[in-house]
Amino acid sequence: MSSLLDIIYSMLFGGTLFIIVLNANDIAAENQSTYHGDMMVQQMLTSTAQLIEGEFRNMGFGMPEKSATVRAADSSSISFLTDLGRDGGFIDTIRYSIGPVSELAATQNELDRNLYRSVNGGQRAIVGIVTTFRLQYFTMDGELLSVPVPSDRLSEVQVVEVTMEVQNSNALARSSVQVKEGERSALYSSSLWQQTRLASQNSRR
């Protein structure tokens, strides 16, 4: 009888230990996936944010003082003028916009969108993949302008607030047991960038 009890206890102990090991492996895999995901989205966000910050700060460069710099302004797209060559020559039109999520339906992350940049109406180039790209516009006095900004108020745009979020396109899937109500089915890393002082060159003269 004691031998049978020993066997039963051993089986229970072994089963418990096995479950603990499985859970530990799952936690380790999640931690590793999150760590690599965090590094990846930080790198993606940094490269895209540096481009946007540099160009938005140079809105209106080479333009006559007090002239209208922004040509069109919506919550997720903007067109503005600047002298890319910085040589006092041709004035360029730069446009930033985001594409629909359907363009990246093949990626695991259902929120992925292409962020596009075009120059002088040319072919759009993908400069990043984002999950959020939101723009707000302010006058010199700090008034928040409605979007899309009416054409007769585009000349009042002096400060642009940019909110951008990047998430990894592929992440470690979670079992249905691990997913709580309202949570997503994968462990997506996220990095958010917000810049509220991207003022036009003309507003600093």
C-alpha atoms as a PDB file:
ATOM      1  CA  MET A   1       0.000   0.000   0.000  1.00  0.00           C
ATOM      2  CA  SER A   2       2.791   2.405   0.895  1.00  0.00           C
ATOM      3  CA  SER A   3       4.503   1.629  -2.418  1.00  0.00           C
ATOM      4  CA  LEU A   4       1.316   2.562  -4.309  1.00  0.00           C
ATOM      5  CA  LEU A   5       1.050   5.817  -2.382  1.00  0.00           C
ATOM      6  CA  ASP A   6       4.693   6.570  -3.156  1.00  0.00           C
ATOM      7  CA  ILE A   7       4.012   6.050  -6.865  1.00  0.00           C
ATOM      8  CA  ILE A   8       0.942   8.295  -6.768  1.00  0.00           C
ATOM      9  CA  TYR A   9       2.803  11.030  -4.890  1.00  0.00           C
ATOM     10  CA  SER A  10       5.708  10.763  -7.307  1.00  0.00           C
ATOM     11  CA  MET A  11       3.358  11.106 -10.286  1.00  0.00           C
ATOM     12  CA  LEU A  12       1.679  14.135  -8.735  1.00  0.00           C
ATOM     13  CA  PHE A  13       5.003  15.737  -7.911  1.00  0.00           C
ATOM     14  CA  GLY A  14       6.388  14.994 -11.361  1.00  0.00           C
ATOM     15  CA  GLY A  15       3.288  16.370 -13.079  1.00  0.00           C
ATOM     16  CA  THR A  16       3.401  19.548 -11.021  1.00  0.00           C
ATOM     17  CA  LEU A  17       7.087  19.994 -11.761  1.00  0.00           C
ATOM     18  CA  PHE A  18       6.453  19.435 -15.467  1.00  0.00           C
ATOM     19  CA  ILE A  19       3.755  22.137 -15.522  1.00  0.00           C
ATOM     20  CA  ILE A  20       6.052  24.552 -13.681  1.00  0.00           C
ATOM     21  CA  VAL A  21       8.804  23.946 -16.243  1.00  0.00           C
ATOM     22  CA  LEU A  22       6.386  24.524 -19.143  1.00  0.00           C
ATOM     23  CA  ASN A  23       5.145  27.766 -17.604  1.00  0.00           C
ATOM     24  CA  ALA A  24       8.704  28.934 -16.994  1.00  0.00           C
ATOM     25  CA  ASN A  25       9.573  28.252 -20.639  1.00  0.00           C
ATOM     26  CA  ASP A  26       6.511  30.213 -21.789  1.00  0.00           C
ATOM     27  CA  ILE A  27       7.448  33.161 -19.570  1.00  0.00           C
ATOM     28  CA  ALA A  28      11.045  33.097 -20.798  1.00  0.00           C
ATOM     29  CA  ALA A  29       9.895  33.002 -24.430  1.00  0.00           C
ATOM     30  CA  GLU A  30       7.518  35.921 -23.821  1.00  0.00           C
ATOM     31  CA  ASN A  31      10.223  37.976 -22.117  1.00  0.00           C
ATOM     32  CA  GLN A  32      12.699  37.329 -24.923  1.00  0.00           C
ATOM     33  CA  SER A  33      10.114  38.172 -27.596  1.00  0.00           C
ATOM     34  CA  THR A  34       9.149  41.387 -25.796  1.00  0.00           C
ATOM     35  CA  TYR A  35      12.788  42.431 -25.392  1.00  0.00           C
ATOM     36  CA  HIS A  36      13.595  41.942 -29.078  1.00  0.00           C
ATOM     37  CA  GLY A  37      10.320  43.559 -30.080  1.00  0.00           C
ATOM     38  CA  ASP A  38      11.066  46.629 -27.951  1.00  0.00           C
ATOM     39  CA  MET A  39      14.515  47.018 -29.517  1.00  0.00           C
ATOM     40  CA  MET A  40      13.134  46.667 -33.033  1.00  0.00           C
ATOM     41  CA  VAL A  41      10.333  49.230 -32.667  1.00  0.00           C
ATOM     42  CA  GLN A  42      12.690  51.725 -31.016  1.00  0.00           C
ATOM     43  CA  GLN A  43      15.013  51.512 -34.013  1.00  0.00           C
ATOM     44  CA  MET A  44      12.131  51.795 -36.488  1.00  0.00           C
ATOM     45  CA  LEU A  45      10.620  54.771 -34.676  1.00  0.00           C
ATOM     46  CA  THR A  46      13.921  56.608 -34.300  1.00  0.00           C
ATOM     47  CA  SER A  47      14.801  56.517 -37.999  1.00  0.00           C
ATOM     48  CA  THR A  48      11.334  57.656 -39.079  1.00  0.00           C
ATOM     49  CA  ALA A  49      11.053  60.329 -36.384  1.00  0.00           C
ATOM     50  CA  GLN A  50      14.436  61.829 -37.294  1.00  0.00           C
ATOM     51  CA  LEU A  51      13.353  62.253 -40.913  1.00  0.00           C
ATOM     52  CA  ILE A  52      10.019  63.820 -39.995  1.00  0.00           C
ATOM     53  CA  GLU A  53      11.469  66.098 -37.341  1.00  0.00           C
ATOM     54  CA  GLY A  54      14.170  67.383 -39.659  1.00  0.00           C
ATOM     55  CA  GLU A  55      11.839  68.124 -42.553  1.00  0.00           C
ATOM     56  CA  PHE A  56       8.986  69.545 -40.503  1.00  0.00           C
ATOM     57  CA  ARG A  57      11.360  71.945 -38.771  1.00  0.00           C
ATOM     58  CA  ASN A  58      12.459  73.156 -42.205  1.00  0.00           C
ATOM     59  CA  MET A  59       8.963  73.897 -43.474  1.00  0.00           C
ATOM     60  CA  GLY A  60       9.095  77.227 -45.267  1.00  0.00           C
ATOM     61  CA  PHE A  61      12.886  77.281 -45.672  1.00  0.00           C
ATOM     62  CA  GLY A  62      13.755  79.550 -48.584  1.00  0.00           C
ATOM     63  CA  MET A  63      10.264  81.042 -48.692  1.00  0.00           C
ATOM     64  CA  PRO A  64       9.572  84.787 -48.479  1.00  0.00           C
ATOM     65  CA  GLU A  65       8.839  85.959 -44.950  1.00  0.00           C
ATOM     66  CA  LYS A  66       5.238  85.487 -43.769  1.00  0.00           C
ATOM     67  CA  SER A  67       4.300  83.572 -46.912  1.00  0.00           C
ATOM     68  CA  ALA A  68       2.028  80.518 -46.647  1.00  0.00           C
ATOM     69  CA  THR A  69       4.095  77.398 -46.046  1.00  0.00           C
ATOM     70  CA  VAL A  70       1.445  74.693 -45.654  1.00  0.00           C
ATOM     71  CA  ARG A  71      -0.549  73.816 -48.770  1.00  0.00           C
ATOM     72  CA  ALA A  72      -2.881  71.174 -47.281  1.00  0.00           C
ATOM     73  CA  ALA A  73      -3.332  69.906 -43.727  1.00  0.00           C
ATOM     74  CA  ASP A  74      -5.427  67.019 -42.444  1.00  0.00           C
ATOM     75  CA  SER A  75      -5.289  64.747 -39.406  1.00  0.00           C
ATOM     76  CA  SER A  76      -3.098  62.177 -41.185  1.00  0.00           C
ATOM     77  CA  SER A  77      -1.559  64.043 -44.132  1.00  0.00           C
ATOM     78  CA  ILE A  78       0.219  67.311 -44.810  1.00  0.00           C
ATOM     79  CA  SER A  79       1.722  69.124 -47.808  1.00  0.00           C
ATOM     80  CA  PHE A  80       4.193  71.944 -47.301  1.00  0.00           C
ATOM     81  CA  LEU A  81       6.793  74.006 -49.141  1.00  0.00           C
ATOM     82  CA  THR A  82      10.534  74.096 -48.576  1.00  0.00           C
ATOM     83  CA  ASP A  83      13.794  74.503 -50.470  1.00  0.00           C
ATOM     84  CA  LEU A  84      15.278  71.013 -50.299  1.00  0.00           C
ATOM     85  CA  GLY A  85      18.411  72.096 -52.143  1.00  0.00           C
ATOM     86  CA  ARG A  86      18.973  74.956 -49.684  1.00  0.00           C
ATOM     87  CA  ASP A  87      20.399  76.974 -52.538  1.00  0.00           C
ATOM     88  CA  GLY A  88      17.761  79.656 -52.919  1.00  0.00           C
ATOM     89  CA  GLY A  89      16.478  77.952 -56.045  1.00  0.00           C
ATOM     90  CA  PHE A  90      13.422  75.834 -56.786  1.00  0.00           C
ATOM     91  CA  ILE A  91      10.829  75.542 -54.003  1.00  0.00           C
ATOM     92  CA  ASP A  92       9.731  71.942 -53.426  1.00  0.00           C
ATOM     93  CA  THR A  93       6.416  70.547 -52.245  1.00  0.00           C
ATOM     94  CA  ILE A  94       6.678  67.689 -49.754  1.00  0.00           C
ATOM     95  CA  ARG A  95       3.712  65.539 -48.821  1.00  0.00           C
ATOM     96  CA  TYR A  96       3.393  63.021 -45.988  1.00  0.00           C
ATOM     97  CA  SER A  97       0.428  60.651 -45.798  1.00  0.00           C
ATOM     98  CA  ILE A  98      -0.527  57.207 -44.538  1.00  0.00           C
ATOM     99  CA  GLY A  99      -2.015  54.349 -46.490  1.00  0.00           C
ATOM    100  CA  PRO A 100      -4.909  52.058 -45.521  1.00  0.00           C
ATOM    101  CA  VAL A 101      -4.400  49.015 -43.301  1.00  0.00           C
ATOM    102  CA  SER A 102      -5.490  46.850 -46.260  1.00  0.00           C
ATOM    103  CA  GLU A 103      -2.119  47.490 -47.926  1.00  0.00           C
ATOM    104  CA  LEU A 104      -0.395  45.513 -45.170  1.00  0.00           C
ATOM    105  CA  ALA A 105      -3.014  42.829 -44.666  1.00  0.00           C
ATOM    106  CA  ALA A 106      -0.274  40.209 -45.025  1.00  0.00           C
ATOM    107  CA  THR A 107       1.447  41.277 -41.809  1.00  0.00           C
ATOM    108  CA  GLN A 108       0.404  39.799 -38.494  1.00  0.00           C
ATOM    109  CA  ASN A 109      -0.265  43.226 -36.973  1.00  0.00           C
ATOM    110  CA  GLU A 110      -3.688  44.364 -38.152  1.00  0.00           C
ATOM    111  CA  LEU A 111      -2.891  48.022 -37.332  1.00  0.00           C
ATOM    112  CA  ASP A 112       0.116  48.389 -39.649  1.00  0.00           C
ATOM    113  CA  ARG A 113       0.055  51.222 -42.208  1.00  0.00           C
ATOM    114  CA  ASN A 114       2.617  52.548 -44.660  1.00  0.00           C
ATOM    115  CA  LEU A 115       3.839  56.087 -44.067  1.00  0.00           C
ATOM    116  CA  TYR A 116       4.479  57.746 -47.414  1.00  0.00           C
ATOM    117  CA  ARG A 117       6.551  60.726 -48.523  1.00  0.00           C
ATOM    118  CA  SER A 118       6.428  62.306 -51.956  1.00  0.00           C
ATOM    119  CA  VAL A 119       8.234  65.285 -53.467  1.00  0.00           C
ATOM    120  CA  ASN A 120       6.705  67.596 -56.080  1.00  0.00           C
ATOM    121  CA  GLY A 121       3.866  65.215 -56.818  1.00  0.00           C
ATOM    122  CA  GLY A 122       6.224  62.367 -57.708  1.00  0.00           C
ATOM    123  CA  GLN A 123       5.958  58.713 -56.799  1.00  0.00           C
ATOM    124  CA  ARG A 124       5.281  58.043 -53.146  1.00  0.00           C
ATOM    125  CA  ALA A 125       8.101  56.416 -51.186  1.00  0.00           C
ATOM    126  CA  ILE A 126       7.545  54.366 -48.044  1.00  0.00           C
ATOM    127  CA  VAL A 127       9.506  55.963 -45.202  1.00  0.00           C
ATOM    128  CA  GLY A 128       8.196  53.773 -42.400  1.00  0.00           C
ATOM    129  CA  ILE A 129       5.483  51.467 -41.127  1.00  0.00           C
ATOM    130  CA  VAL A 130       3.358  52.954 -38.371  1.00  0.00           C
ATOM    131  CA  THR A 131       0.235  52.120 -36.421  1.00  0.00           C
ATOM    132  CA  THR A 132      -0.557  55.750 -35.604  1.00  0.00           C
ATOM    133  CA  PHE A 133       0.270  58.966 -37.460  1.00  0.00           C
ATOM    134  CA  ARG A 134      -1.765  61.896 -36.183  1.00  0.00           C
ATOM    135  CA  LEU A 135      -1.290  65.592 -36.895  1.00  0.00           C
ATOM    136  CA  GLN A 136      -2.643  68.696 -35.180  1.00  0.00           C
ATOM    137  CA  TYR A 137      -2.078  72.310 -36.173  1.00  0.00           C
ATOM    138  CA  PHE A 138      -1.744  75.484 -34.135  1.00  0.00           C
ATOM    139  CA  THR A 139      -1.569  79.187 -34.853  1.00  0.00           C
ATOM    140  CA  MET A 140       1.137  81.463 -33.472  1.00  0.00           C
ATOM    141  CA  ASP A 141      -1.219  82.274 -30.577  1.00  0.00           C
ATOM    142  CA  GLY A 142      -1.687  78.585 -29.734  1.00  0.00           C
ATOM    143  CA  GLU A 143      -5.158  78.189 -31.232  1.00  0.00           C
ATOM    144  CA  LEU A 144      -5.894  74.595 -32.281  1.00  0.00           C
ATOM    145  CA  LEU A 145      -7.152  74.570 -35.867  1.00  0.00           C
ATOM    146  CA  SER A 146      -9.865  72.183 -37.003  1.00  0.00           C
ATOM    147  CA  VAL A 147      -8.948  69.514 -39.559  1.00  0.00           C
ATOM    148  CA  PRO A 148      -8.877  69.496 -42.436  1.00  0.00           C
ATOM    149  CA  VAL A 149      -7.607  73.036 -42.064  1.00  0.00           C
ATOM    150  CA  PRO A 150      -9.725  75.355 -44.263  1.00  0.00           C
ATOM    151  CA  SER A 151      -7.820  76.797 -47.225  1.00  0.00           C
ATOM    152  CA  ASP A 152      -8.284  80.343 -45.964  1.00  0.00           C
ATOM    153  CA  ARG A 153      -6.546  79.458 -42.693  1.00  0.00           C
ATOM    154  CA  LEU A 154      -3.593  77.445 -43.980  1.00  0.00           C
ATOM    155  CA  SER A 155      -1.384  80.528 -43.762  1.00  0.00           C
ATOM    156  CA  GLU A 156      -2.044  80.582 -39.995  1.00  0.00           C
ATOM    157  CA  VAL A 157      -0.464  77.166 -39.416  1.00  0.00           C
ATOM    158  CA  GLN A 158       2.723  77.859 -37.492  1.00  0.00           C
ATOM    159  CA  VAL A 159       3.169  74.819 -35.250  1.00  0.00           C
ATOM    160  CA  VAL A 160       2.522  71.159 -36.038  1.00  0.00           C
ATOM    161  CA  GLU A 161       2.031  68.500 -33.383  1.00  0.00           C
ATOM    162  CA  VAL A 162       3.000  65.012 -34.540  1.00  0.00           C
ATOM    163  CA  THR A 163       1.978  61.839 -32.721  1.00  0.00           C
ATOM    164  CA  MET A 164       3.422  58.641 -34.135  1.00  0.00           C
ATOM    165  CA  GLU A 165       3.378  55.068 -32.891  1.00  0.00           C
ATOM    166  CA  VAL A 166       5.281  52.059 -34.198  1.00  0.00           C
ATOM    167  CA  GLN A 167       4.608  48.435 -33.312  1.00  0.00           C
ATOM    168  CA  ASN A 168       6.350  45.277 -34.462  1.00  0.00           C
ATOM    169  CA  SER A 169       4.659  43.636 -37.445  1.00  0.00           C
ATOM    170  CA  ASN A 170       5.156  40.118 -36.083  1.00  0.00           C
ATOM    171  CA  ALA A 171       4.913  39.092 -32.459  1.00  0.00           C
ATOM    172  CA  LEU A 172       4.729  35.999 -30.294  1.00  0.00           C
ATOM    173  CA  ALA A 173       1.213  34.599 -30.467  1.00  0.00           C
ATOM    174  CA  ARG A 174      -0.542  33.886 -27.186  1.00  0.00           C
ATOM    175  CA  SER A 175      -2.792  30.965 -26.407  1.00  0.00           C
ATOM    176  CA  SER A 176      -6.479  31.662 -25.913  1.00  0.00           C
ATOM    177  CA  VAL A 177      -6.066  30.876 -22.206  1.00  0.00           C
ATOM    178  CA  GLN A 178      -3.534  33.696 -21.809  1.00  0.00           C
ATOM    179  CA  VAL A 179      -5.604  36.338 -23.601  1.00  0.00           C
ATOM    180  CA  LYS A 180      -7.849  38.323 -21.282  1.00  0.00           C
ATOM    181  CA  GLU A 181     -10.896  40.267 -22.404  1.00  0.00           C
ATOM    182  CA  GLY A 182      -9.892  43.324 -24.426  1.00  0.00           C
ATOM    183  CA  GLU A 183      -6.322  42.097 -24.985  1.00  0.00           C
ATOM    184  CA  ARG A 184      -4.784  41.269 -28.352  1.00  0.00           C
ATOM    185  CA  SER A 185      -3.796  37.766 -29.361  1.00  0.00           C
ATOM    186  CA  ALA A 186      -0.071  38.579 -29.682  1.00  0.00           C
ATOM    187  CA  LEU A 187       2.563  40.383 -27.616  1.00  0.00           C
ATOM    188  CA  TYR A 188       3.129  43.499 -29.721  1.00  0.00           C
ATOM    189  CA  SER A 189       5.808  45.917 -28.589  1.00  0.00           C
ATOM    190  CA  SER A 190       4.944  49.583 -29.001  1.00  0.00           C
ATOM    191  CA  SER A 191       6.895  52.834 -29.101  1.00  0.00           C
ATOM    192  CA  LEU A 192       5.230  56.251 -29.129  1.00  0.00           C
ATOM    193  CA  TRP A 193       6.762  59.566 -30.258  1.00  0.00           C
ATOM    194  CA  GLN A 194       5.120  62.949 -29.881  1.00  0.00           C
ATOM    195  CA  GLN A 195       6.641  66.269 -30.883  1.00  0.00           C
ATOM    196  CA  THR A 196       4.682  69.441 -30.239  1.00  0.00           C
ATOM    197  CA  ARG A 197       7.192  72.125 -31.180  1.00  0.00           C
ATOM    198  CA  LEU A 198       7.752  71.546 -34.886  1.00  0.00           C
ATOM    199  CA  ALA A 199       7.422  75.182 -35.901  1.00  0.00           C
ATOM    200  CA  SER A 200       7.621  76.493 -39.430  1.00  0.00           C
ATOM    201  CA  GLN A 201      10.800  78.364 -40.399  1.00  0.00           C
ATOM    202  CA  ASN A 202       8.667  81.402 -41.207  1.00  0.00           C
ATOM    203  CA  SER A 203       7.228  81.521 -37.689  1.00  0.00           C
ATOM    204  CA  ARG A 204      10.690  81.935 -36.136  1.00  0.00           C
ATOM    205  CA  ARG A 205      11.726  85.032 -38.049  1.00  0.00           C
END
